[in-house]
Amino acid sequence: MSEFDIACDVCAKMQIPITLADPSLEDYPLVYCNAAFTRLTGYKLSSVEGMNCRFLQGENTNADDAAALKTGLLERNWCAQTITNYRQDGIEFNNLVVLQDLVLMDGTRLVLGCQYEFHTATDKRHVYAHLVDVEKISAAGFAMVEAAARPRRNTLLMRSENAMMKIQTHTIYRNLGGVFT
């Protein structure tokens, strides 16, 4: 089993909506999304594989929000941005997107994206007030991929440049009072 396959297997078990994109290909196409992403957006991997996540954008998506995500991708920085997205059925939702470089031991570079739906302006302020915690959630996701993969295959080492803290995602959810769905 390849490092990529193990990473996908681990992400499949996570409750956080997750995507993996391939930055070595033009336009950062998706190469993976988990079931939580499908529940959030309505899109299955079979319908979005090879596409850039711009398919989630629509009429009320702010161009500056989209540009901030693109800048984060191009600069290979940890990036968190709220953006108006659309589910497959056309229903609009508010999404906090967190992007992070993920490098597998074999040198494969991926962009891991986590999505968090929020519902009101109050939730949005709460999201920004807890952006450090959001970074911890993101870090936890990467750490959990790493930790879960090791017992299955000791030669797999994954690192994330900004994911230094090894924490449990459910603790952050509890601390945020259920802001994210």
N, C-alpha and C. Protein backbone atom coordinates (compact mmCIF):
# COMPACT_ATOMS: atom_id res chain seq x y z
N MET A 1 0.84 -1.17 0.00
CA MET A 1 0.00 0.00 0.00
C MET A 1 0.90 1.25 0.00
N SER A 2 0.62 2.19 -0.87
CA SER A 2 1.44 3.40 -0.98
C SER A 2 1.14 4.38 0.16
N GLU A 3 2.06 5.33 0.37
CA GLU A 3 1.83 6.37 1.37
C GLU A 3 0.54 7.14 1.06
N PHE A 4 0.30 7.42 -0.21
CA PHE A 4 -0.91 8.14 -0.60
C PHE A 4 -2.14 7.32 -0.22
N ASP A 5 -2.13 6.03 -0.50
CA ASP A 5 -3.27 5.17 -0.16
C ASP A 5 -3.52 5.14 1.35
N ILE A 6 -2.45 5.09 2.12
CA ILE A 6 -2.59 5.08 3.58
C ILE A 6 -3.16 6.42 4.05
N ALA A 7 -2.66 7.52 3.50
CA ALA A 7 -3.18 8.84 3.87
C ALA A 7 -4.67 8.93 3.56
N CYS A 8 -5.08 8.44 2.40
CA CYS A 8 -6.51 8.45 2.04
C CYS A 8 -7.32 7.58 2.98
N ASP A 9 -6.78 6.43 3.34
CA ASP A 9 -7.46 5.52 4.25
C ASP A 9 -7.68 6.17 5.61
N VAL A 10 -6.65 6.86 6.11
CA VAL A 10 -6.76 7.54 7.40
C VAL A 10 -7.77 8.68 7.31
N CYS A 11 -7.69 9.48 6.24
CA CYS A 11 -8.62 10.61 6.07
C CYS A 11 -10.06 10.12 5.95
N ALA A 12 -10.25 8.94 5.40
CA ALA A 12 -11.59 8.38 5.25
C ALA A 12 -12.25 8.15 6.60
N LYS A 13 -11.46 7.94 7.63
CA LYS A 13 -12.00 7.66 8.96
C LYS A 13 -12.28 8.92 9.76
N MET A 14 -11.89 10.07 9.26
CA MET A 14 -12.06 11.32 9.98
C MET A 14 -13.45 11.90 9.76
N GLN A 15 -13.97 12.57 10.77
CA GLN A 15 -15.30 13.19 10.70
C GLN A 15 -15.24 14.60 10.11
N ILE A 16 -14.06 15.18 10.00
CA ILE A 16 -13.87 16.50 9.42
C ILE A 16 -13.93 16.37 7.90
N PRO A 17 -14.68 17.24 7.21
CA PRO A 17 -14.65 17.21 5.74
C PRO A 17 -13.24 17.52 5.23
N ILE A 18 -12.68 16.58 4.47
CA ILE A 18 -11.29 16.69 4.02
C ILE A 18 -11.20 16.47 2.52
N THR A 19 -10.32 17.27 1.90
CA THR A 19 -9.95 17.07 0.50
C THR A 19 -8.43 17.01 0.42
N LEU A 20 -7.94 16.31 -0.59
CA LEU A 20 -6.52 16.32 -0.93
C LEU A 20 -6.42 16.78 -2.38
N ALA A 21 -5.54 17.75 -2.62
CA ALA A 21 -5.31 18.26 -3.98
C ALA A 21 -3.86 18.02 -4.35
N ASP A 22 -3.60 17.90 -5.63
CA ASP A 22 -2.26 17.65 -6.15
C ASP A 22 -1.67 18.94 -6.71
N PRO A 23 -0.73 19.57 -5.98
CA PRO A 23 -0.15 20.82 -6.45
C PRO A 23 0.87 20.64 -7.58
N SER A 24 1.21 19.39 -7.89
CA SER A 24 2.15 19.16 -9.00
C SER A 24 1.44 19.23 -10.34
N LEU A 25 0.11 19.22 -10.32
CA LEU A 25 -0.68 19.31 -11.54
C LEU A 25 -1.27 20.70 -11.68
N GLU A 26 -1.50 21.11 -12.90
CA GLU A 26 -2.05 22.43 -13.15
C GLU A 26 -3.40 22.60 -12.47
N ASP A 27 -3.58 23.70 -11.78
CA ASP A 27 -4.84 24.11 -11.18
C ASP A 27 -5.21 23.32 -9.91
N TYR A 28 -4.26 22.65 -9.29
CA TYR A 28 -4.48 21.96 -8.01
C TYR A 28 -5.74 21.08 -8.02
N PRO A 29 -5.81 20.10 -8.86
CA PRO A 29 -7.03 19.27 -8.91
C PRO A 29 -7.16 18.38 -7.68
N LEU A 30 -8.40 18.10 -7.31
CA LEU A 30 -8.65 17.18 -6.21
C LEU A 30 -8.28 15.76 -6.62
N VAL A 31 -7.65 15.06 -5.70
CA VAL A 31 -7.33 13.65 -5.90
C VAL A 31 -8.02 12.78 -4.86
N TYR A 32 -8.67 13.45 -3.88
CA TYR A 32 -9.36 12.69 -2.84
C TYR A 32 -10.33 13.63 -2.10
N CYS A 33 -11.45 13.08 -1.69
CA CYS A 33 -12.32 13.73 -0.70
C CYS A 33 -12.94 12.62 0.14
N ASN A 34 -13.17 12.91 1.41
CA ASN A 34 -13.74 11.87 2.28
C ASN A 34 -15.26 11.97 2.35
N ALA A 35 -15.86 11.03 3.06
CA ALA A 35 -17.32 10.96 3.16
C ALA A 35 -17.89 12.18 3.88
N ALA A 36 -17.15 12.75 4.83
CA ALA A 36 -17.62 13.95 5.53
C ALA A 36 -17.74 15.12 4.55
N PHE A 37 -16.81 15.22 3.59
CA PHE A 37 -16.90 16.25 2.55
C PHE A 37 -18.15 16.02 1.70
N THR A 38 -18.41 14.77 1.38
CA THR A 38 -19.61 14.44 0.59
C THR A 38 -20.87 14.81 1.36
N ARG A 39 -20.89 14.53 2.66
CA ARG A 39 -22.06 14.90 3.47
C ARG A 39 -22.25 16.42 3.51
N LEU A 40 -21.16 17.17 3.60
CA LEU A 40 -21.24 18.63 3.67
C LEU A 40 -21.68 19.23 2.34
N THR A 41 -21.11 18.76 1.24
CA THR A 41 -21.31 19.42 -0.05
C THR A 41 -22.25 18.69 -1.00
N GLY A 42 -22.42 17.39 -0.80
CA GLY A 42 -23.22 16.59 -1.72
C GLY A 42 -22.41 16.01 -2.87
N TYR A 43 -21.15 16.40 -2.98
CA TYR A 43 -20.30 15.92 -4.07
C TYR A 43 -19.51 14.69 -3.66
N LYS A 44 -19.54 13.66 -4.52
CA LYS A 44 -18.73 12.46 -4.33
C LYS A 44 -17.42 12.60 -5.09
N LEU A 45 -16.42 11.84 -4.68
CA LEU A 45 -15.12 11.89 -5.34
C LEU A 45 -15.25 11.62 -6.83
N SER A 46 -16.09 10.70 -7.21
CA SER A 46 -16.22 10.35 -8.62
C SER A 46 -16.66 11.53 -9.48
N SER A 47 -17.34 12.50 -8.88
CA SER A 47 -17.80 13.65 -9.68
C SER A 47 -16.87 14.85 -9.59
N VAL A 48 -15.91 14.85 -8.64
CA VAL A 48 -15.03 16.02 -8.49
C VAL A 48 -13.56 15.72 -8.70
N GLU A 49 -13.19 14.46 -8.80
CA GLU A 49 -11.79 14.11 -8.97
C GLU A 49 -11.26 14.77 -10.24
N GLY A 50 -10.11 15.43 -10.10
CA GLY A 50 -9.50 16.12 -11.24
C GLY A 50 -9.95 17.56 -11.39
N MET A 51 -10.87 18.01 -10.53
CA MET A 51 -11.37 19.39 -10.59
C MET A 51 -10.77 20.23 -9.47
N ASN A 52 -10.61 21.51 -9.71
CA ASN A 52 -10.24 22.46 -8.67
C ASN A 52 -11.48 22.72 -7.82
N CYS A 53 -11.30 23.02 -6.56
CA CYS A 53 -12.44 23.23 -5.65
C CYS A 53 -13.27 24.47 -5.98
N ARG A 54 -12.92 25.18 -7.02
CA ARG A 54 -13.74 26.33 -7.43
C ARG A 54 -15.17 25.92 -7.79
N PHE A 55 -15.40 24.63 -8.05
CA PHE A 55 -16.77 24.19 -8.36
C PHE A 55 -17.72 24.49 -7.21
N LEU A 56 -17.19 24.73 -5.99
CA LEU A 56 -18.03 25.07 -4.85
C LEU A 56 -18.44 26.54 -4.84
N GLN A 57 -17.79 27.35 -5.67
CA GLN A 57 -18.09 28.78 -5.70
C GLN A 57 -19.32 29.06 -6.56
N GLY A 58 -19.93 30.21 -6.29
CA GLY A 58 -21.12 30.59 -7.04
C GLY A 58 -21.37 32.08 -7.00
N GLU A 59 -22.61 32.44 -7.25
CA GLU A 59 -23.00 33.85 -7.42
C GLU A 59 -22.59 34.75 -6.26
N ASN A 60 -22.73 34.29 -5.03
CA ASN A 60 -22.43 35.14 -3.87
C ASN A 60 -21.05 34.89 -3.27
N THR A 61 -20.19 34.17 -3.98
CA THR A 61 -18.83 33.96 -3.51
C THR A 61 -18.04 35.24 -3.73
N ASN A 62 -17.42 35.73 -2.69
CA ASN A 62 -16.62 36.95 -2.76
C ASN A 62 -15.29 36.65 -3.43
N ALA A 63 -14.96 37.40 -4.47
CA ALA A 63 -13.73 37.18 -5.23
C ALA A 63 -12.49 37.36 -4.36
N ASP A 64 -12.53 38.29 -3.39
CA ASP A 64 -11.38 38.49 -2.50
C ASP A 64 -11.15 37.29 -1.61
N ASP A 65 -12.23 36.64 -1.16
CA ASP A 65 -12.09 35.43 -0.34
C ASP A 65 -11.44 34.32 -1.15
N ALA A 66 -11.89 34.15 -2.38
CA ALA A 66 -11.32 33.13 -3.26
C ALA A 66 -9.85 33.44 -3.54
N ALA A 67 -9.53 34.71 -3.76
CA ALA A 67 -8.15 35.11 -4.05
C ALA A 67 -7.24 34.85 -2.85
N ALA A 68 -7.76 35.02 -1.62
CA ALA A 68 -6.97 34.75 -0.43
C ALA A 68 -6.59 33.27 -0.34
N LEU A 69 -7.52 32.40 -0.71
CA LEU A 69 -7.21 30.96 -0.72
C LEU A 69 -6.16 30.64 -1.78
N LYS A 70 -6.30 31.24 -2.95
CA LYS A 70 -5.33 31.01 -4.02
C LYS A 70 -3.94 31.48 -3.60
N THR A 71 -3.87 32.63 -2.96
CA THR A 71 -2.58 33.15 -2.50
C THR A 71 -1.95 32.19 -1.50
N GLY A 72 -2.75 31.70 -0.56
CA GLY A 72 -2.23 30.74 0.41
C GLY A 72 -1.68 29.49 -0.26
N LEU A 73 -2.37 29.01 -1.28
CA LEU A 73 -1.89 27.84 -2.02
C LEU A 73 -0.57 28.11 -2.71
N LEU A 74 -0.51 29.24 -3.41
CA LEU A 74 0.68 29.56 -4.18
C LEU A 74 1.90 29.83 -3.29
N GLU A 75 1.65 30.39 -2.11
CA GLU A 75 2.74 30.68 -1.19
C GLU A 75 3.08 29.50 -0.29
N ARG A 76 2.31 28.42 -0.41
CA ARG A 76 2.52 27.20 0.38
C ARG A 76 2.48 27.47 1.87
N ASN A 77 1.62 28.39 2.27
CA ASN A 77 1.44 28.73 3.67
C ASN A 77 0.17 28.10 4.21
N TRP A 78 0.16 27.90 5.54
CA TRP A 78 -1.08 27.54 6.20
C TRP A 78 -2.04 28.68 5.93
N CYS A 79 -3.26 28.38 5.58
CA CYS A 79 -4.22 29.40 5.18
C CYS A 79 -5.59 29.03 5.71
N ALA A 80 -6.28 30.01 6.30
CA ALA A 80 -7.66 29.83 6.73
C ALA A 80 -8.47 31.00 6.19
N GLN A 81 -9.60 30.70 5.56
CA GLN A 81 -10.40 31.75 4.94
C GLN A 81 -11.87 31.35 4.96
N THR A 82 -12.73 32.28 5.36
CA THR A 82 -14.16 32.03 5.22
C THR A 82 -14.57 32.38 3.80
N ILE A 83 -15.50 31.61 3.28
CA ILE A 83 -15.94 31.81 1.90
C ILE A 83 -17.37 31.28 1.75
N THR A 84 -18.14 31.93 0.91
CA THR A 84 -19.48 31.44 0.60
C THR A 84 -19.35 30.38 -0.48
N ASN A 85 -19.81 29.18 -0.18
CA ASN A 85 -19.76 28.07 -1.12
C ASN A 85 -21.18 27.57 -1.38
N TYR A 86 -21.28 26.63 -2.31
CA TYR A 86 -22.57 26.06 -2.70
C TYR A 86 -22.49 24.54 -2.71
N ARG A 87 -23.52 23.93 -2.16
CA ARG A 87 -23.62 22.46 -2.20
C ARG A 87 -24.04 22.04 -3.62
N GLN A 88 -23.97 20.76 -3.86
CA GLN A 88 -24.34 20.24 -5.17
C GLN A 88 -25.78 20.60 -5.55
N ASP A 89 -26.66 20.68 -4.55
CA ASP A 89 -28.06 21.02 -4.82
C ASP A 89 -28.30 22.52 -4.98
N GLY A 90 -27.22 23.32 -4.94
CA GLY A 90 -27.33 24.76 -5.14
C GLY A 90 -27.54 25.57 -3.87
N ILE A 91 -27.67 24.91 -2.73
CA ILE A 91 -27.86 25.61 -1.45
C ILE A 91 -26.54 26.24 -1.02
N GLU A 92 -26.61 27.52 -0.69
CA GLU A 92 -25.45 28.28 -0.24
C GLU A 92 -25.10 27.92 1.20
N PHE A 93 -23.81 27.89 1.53
CA PHE A 93 -23.39 27.72 2.92
C PHE A 93 -22.11 28.48 3.17
N ASN A 94 -21.89 28.85 4.42
CA ASN A 94 -20.68 29.56 4.84
C ASN A 94 -19.65 28.53 5.25
N ASN A 95 -18.46 28.65 4.68
CA ASN A 95 -17.44 27.64 4.84
C ASN A 95 -16.15 28.30 5.32
N LEU A 96 -15.57 27.75 6.38
CA LEU A 96 -14.22 28.12 6.76
C LEU A 96 -13.32 27.05 6.18
N VAL A 97 -12.47 27.44 5.25
CA VAL A 97 -11.56 26.51 4.59
C VAL A 97 -10.17 26.69 5.18
N VAL A 98 -9.57 25.58 5.60
CA VAL A 98 -8.21 25.59 6.12
C VAL A 98 -7.37 24.74 5.19
N LEU A 99 -6.30 25.33 4.65
CA LEU A 99 -5.41 24.63 3.73
C LEU A 99 -4.02 24.50 4.34
N GLN A 100 -3.39 23.36 4.08
CA GLN A 100 -2.06 23.11 4.63
C GLN A 100 -1.30 22.16 3.70
N ASP A 101 -0.02 22.47 3.48
CA ASP A 101 0.84 21.54 2.75
C ASP A 101 1.02 20.27 3.56
N LEU A 102 1.06 19.15 2.89
CA LEU A 102 1.31 17.86 3.50
C LEU A 102 2.30 17.15 2.60
N VAL A 103 3.43 16.73 3.17
CA VAL A 103 4.47 16.07 2.38
C VAL A 103 4.64 14.64 2.89
N LEU A 104 4.45 13.68 2.00
CA LEU A 104 4.62 12.28 2.36
C LEU A 104 6.10 11.93 2.35
N MET A 105 6.45 10.83 2.99
CA MET A 105 7.85 10.44 3.08
C MET A 105 8.49 10.25 1.71
N ASP A 106 7.72 9.80 0.74
CA ASP A 106 8.28 9.59 -0.59
C ASP A 106 8.45 10.91 -1.36
N GLY A 107 8.14 12.04 -0.70
CA GLY A 107 8.32 13.35 -1.32
C GLY A 107 7.08 13.88 -1.99
N THR A 108 6.04 13.08 -2.09
CA THR A 108 4.80 13.54 -2.69
C THR A 108 4.24 14.69 -1.87
N ARG A 109 3.97 15.78 -2.54
CA ARG A 109 3.38 16.94 -1.87
C ARG A 109 1.90 16.99 -2.21
N LEU A 110 1.09 17.18 -1.18
CA LEU A 110 -0.36 17.33 -1.34
C LEU A 110 -0.79 18.59 -0.62
N VAL A 111 -1.95 19.08 -0.96
CA VAL A 111 -2.57 20.14 -0.18
C VAL A 111 -3.79 19.53 0.50
N LEU A 112 -3.76 19.54 1.83
CA LEU A 112 -4.87 19.01 2.60
C LEU A 112 -5.79 20.17 2.93
N GLY A 113 -7.08 20.02 2.61
CA GLY A 113 -8.06 21.05 2.92
C GLY A 113 -9.09 20.51 3.89
N CYS A 114 -9.38 21.30 4.93
CA CYS A 114 -10.43 20.96 5.88
C CYS A 114 -11.50 22.04 5.75
N GLN A 115 -12.75 21.63 5.80
CA GLN A 115 -13.87 22.56 5.66
C GLN A 115 -14.72 22.52 6.93
N TYR A 116 -15.16 23.71 7.37
CA TYR A 116 -15.99 23.83 8.55
C TYR A 116 -17.15 24.75 8.22
N GLU A 117 -18.36 24.25 8.29
CA GLU A 117 -19.54 25.07 8.03
C GLU A 117 -19.87 25.90 9.27
N PHE A 118 -20.24 27.17 9.06
CA PHE A 118 -20.77 27.99 10.14
C PHE A 118 -22.03 28.67 9.63
N HIS A 119 -22.90 29.08 10.57
CA HIS A 119 -24.25 29.45 10.18
C HIS A 119 -24.61 30.93 10.29
N THR A 120 -24.01 31.66 11.22
CA THR A 120 -24.43 33.04 11.45
C THR A 120 -23.24 33.96 11.53
N ALA A 121 -23.51 35.26 11.51
CA ALA A 121 -22.44 36.25 11.68
C ALA A 121 -21.80 36.08 13.05
N THR A 122 -22.58 35.71 14.06
CA THR A 122 -22.03 35.47 15.39
C THR A 122 -21.06 34.31 15.35
N ASP A 123 -21.44 33.23 14.65
CA ASP A 123 -20.54 32.10 14.50
C ASP A 123 -19.26 32.53 13.80
N LYS A 124 -19.38 33.40 12.78
CA LYS A 124 -18.21 33.86 12.03
C LYS A 124 -17.27 34.62 12.96
N ARG A 125 -17.81 35.51 13.80
CA ARG A 125 -16.96 36.23 14.75
C ARG A 125 -16.31 35.24 15.70
N HIS A 126 -17.08 34.25 16.13
CA HIS A 126 -16.56 33.22 17.03
C HIS A 126 -15.43 32.45 16.34
N VAL A 127 -15.61 32.16 15.05
CA VAL A 127 -14.57 31.47 14.28
C VAL A 127 -13.28 32.28 14.29
N TYR A 128 -13.39 33.57 13.99
CA TYR A 128 -12.19 34.40 13.95
C TYR A 128 -11.57 34.57 15.33
N ALA A 129 -12.41 34.65 16.36
CA ALA A 129 -11.90 34.77 17.72
C ALA A 129 -11.12 33.52 18.13
N HIS A 130 -11.44 32.40 17.50
CA HIS A 130 -10.78 31.13 17.83
C HIS A 130 -9.91 30.63 16.68
N LEU A 131 -9.39 31.53 15.87
CA LEU A 131 -8.60 31.08 14.72
C LEU A 131 -7.39 30.26 15.14
N VAL A 132 -6.81 30.57 16.29
CA VAL A 132 -5.71 29.75 16.79
C VAL A 132 -6.20 28.33 17.02
N ASP A 133 -7.41 28.18 17.58
CA ASP A 133 -7.96 26.85 17.78
C ASP A 133 -8.23 26.16 16.45
N VAL A 134 -8.65 26.95 15.44
CA VAL A 134 -8.85 26.37 14.11
C VAL A 134 -7.53 25.83 13.57
N GLU A 135 -6.45 26.59 13.79
CA GLU A 135 -5.14 26.09 13.37
C GLU A 135 -4.80 24.81 14.11
N LYS A 136 -5.18 24.72 15.37
CA LYS A 136 -4.95 23.50 16.14
C LYS A 136 -5.76 22.34 15.57
N ILE A 137 -7.02 22.62 15.17
CA ILE A 137 -7.84 21.57 14.56
C ILE A 137 -7.14 21.06 13.31
N SER A 138 -6.67 21.99 12.49
CA SER A 138 -5.96 21.62 11.28
C SER A 138 -4.72 20.80 11.62
N ALA A 139 -3.96 21.28 12.59
CA ALA A 139 -2.75 20.56 13.02
C ALA A 139 -3.11 19.18 13.52
N ALA A 140 -4.23 19.08 14.23
CA ALA A 140 -4.65 17.78 14.75
C ALA A 140 -4.95 16.83 13.62
N GLY A 141 -5.59 17.34 12.57
CA GLY A 141 -5.89 16.50 11.42
C GLY A 141 -4.63 15.89 10.83
N PHE A 142 -3.60 16.72 10.65
CA PHE A 142 -2.35 16.23 10.08
C PHE A 142 -1.66 15.27 11.04
N ALA A 143 -1.68 15.62 12.34
CA ALA A 143 -1.06 14.76 13.33
C ALA A 143 -1.77 13.41 13.41
N MET A 144 -3.10 13.43 13.27
CA MET A 144 -3.85 12.18 13.34
C MET A 144 -3.56 11.31 12.12
N VAL A 145 -3.39 11.93 10.95
CA VAL A 145 -3.00 11.16 9.76
C VAL A 145 -1.67 10.49 10.03
N GLU A 146 -0.73 11.25 10.56
CA GLU A 146 0.60 10.72 10.85
C GLU A 146 0.54 9.60 11.89
N ALA A 147 -0.15 9.86 13.00
CA ALA A 147 -0.20 8.89 14.09
C ALA A 147 -0.93 7.61 13.69
N ALA A 148 -2.00 7.76 12.95
CA ALA A 148 -2.77 6.58 12.55
C ALA A 148 -2.02 5.75 11.52
N ALA A 149 -1.21 6.39 10.71
CA ALA A 149 -0.50 5.66 9.67
C ALA A 149 0.68 4.87 10.24
N ARG A 150 1.33 5.39 11.25
CA ARG A 150 2.53 4.74 11.78
C ARG A 150 2.31 3.30 12.23
N PRO A 151 1.24 3.01 13.02
CA PRO A 151 1.09 1.63 13.45
C PRO A 151 0.86 0.66 12.29
N ARG A 152 0.29 1.16 11.22
CA ARG A 152 0.01 0.29 10.08
C ARG A 152 1.24 0.08 9.23
N ARG A 153 2.14 1.06 9.24
CA ARG A 153 3.33 0.95 8.40
C ARG A 153 4.40 1.87 8.94
N ASN A 154 5.35 1.31 9.65
CA ASN A 154 6.34 2.11 10.34
C ASN A 154 7.19 2.97 9.41
N THR A 155 7.28 2.60 8.15
CA THR A 155 8.13 3.37 7.26
C THR A 155 7.46 4.65 6.77
N LEU A 156 6.16 4.78 7.02
CA LEU A 156 5.46 5.99 6.57
C LEU A 156 5.65 7.09 7.60
N LEU A 157 6.25 8.17 7.17
CA LEU A 157 6.36 9.35 8.01
C LEU A 157 5.77 10.50 7.23
N MET A 158 4.88 11.21 7.86
CA MET A 158 4.27 12.36 7.22
C MET A 158 4.61 13.57 8.06
N ARG A 159 4.79 14.71 7.40
CA ARG A 159 5.03 15.91 8.16
C ARG A 159 4.21 17.04 7.57
N SER A 160 3.93 17.97 8.41
CA SER A 160 3.25 19.17 7.98
C SER A 160 4.03 20.32 8.57
N GLU A 161 4.45 21.27 7.74
CA GLU A 161 5.37 22.30 8.18
C GLU A 161 4.87 23.10 9.37
N ASN A 162 3.58 23.32 9.49
CA ASN A 162 3.05 24.11 10.59
C ASN A 162 2.28 23.29 11.61
N ALA A 163 2.26 22.00 11.48
CA ALA A 163 1.46 21.15 12.38
C ALA A 163 2.33 20.60 13.49
N MET A 164 2.70 21.44 14.43
CA MET A 164 3.60 21.03 15.50
C MET A 164 2.86 20.45 16.70
N MET A 165 1.62 20.84 16.87
CA MET A 165 0.90 20.43 18.06
C MET A 165 0.12 19.15 17.81
N LYS A 166 0.29 18.19 18.69
CA LYS A 166 -0.40 16.91 18.58
C LYS A 166 -1.55 16.93 19.57
N ILE A 167 -2.75 17.26 19.07
CA ILE A 167 -3.91 17.38 19.94
C ILE A 167 -5.05 16.56 19.38
N GLN A 168 -6.06 16.38 20.15
CA GLN A 168 -7.23 15.64 19.71
C GLN A 168 -8.28 16.62 19.19
N THR A 169 -8.78 16.39 17.99
CA THR A 169 -9.74 17.28 17.35
C THR A 169 -11.01 17.43 18.19
N HIS A 170 -11.49 16.35 18.77
CA HIS A 170 -12.75 16.44 19.52
C HIS A 170 -12.63 17.39 20.70
N THR A 171 -11.46 17.54 21.30
CA THR A 171 -11.25 18.47 22.41
C THR A 171 -11.47 19.90 21.94
N ILE A 172 -10.97 20.24 20.77
CA ILE A 172 -11.14 21.58 20.24
C ILE A 172 -12.61 21.83 19.93
N TYR A 173 -13.28 20.87 19.31
CA TYR A 173 -14.71 21.02 19.05
C TYR A 173 -15.45 21.33 20.35
N ARG A 174 -15.15 20.58 21.38
CA ARG A 174 -15.82 20.79 22.67
C ARG A 174 -15.49 22.19 23.21
N ASN A 175 -14.23 22.60 23.11
CA ASN A 175 -13.83 23.92 23.60
C ASN A 175 -14.49 25.05 22.82
N LEU A 176 -14.79 24.83 21.55
CA LEU A 176 -15.43 25.86 20.74
C LEU A 176 -16.94 25.87 20.93
N GLY A 177 -17.45 24.98 21.72
CA GLY A 177 -18.88 24.99 22.00
C GLY A 177 -19.74 24.57 20.81
N GLY A 178 -19.20 23.74 19.94
CA GLY A 178 -20.00 23.23 18.84
C GLY A 178 -20.23 24.23 17.73
N VAL A 179 -19.30 25.18 17.53
CA VAL A 179 -19.46 26.17 16.47
C VAL A 179 -19.53 25.50 15.11
N PHE A 180 -18.71 24.50 14.89
CA PHE A 180 -18.61 23.86 13.60
C PHE A 180 -19.53 22.67 13.52
N THR A 181 -20.05 22.42 12.31
CA THR A 181 -20.90 21.24 12.11
C THR A 181 -20.17 20.25 11.24
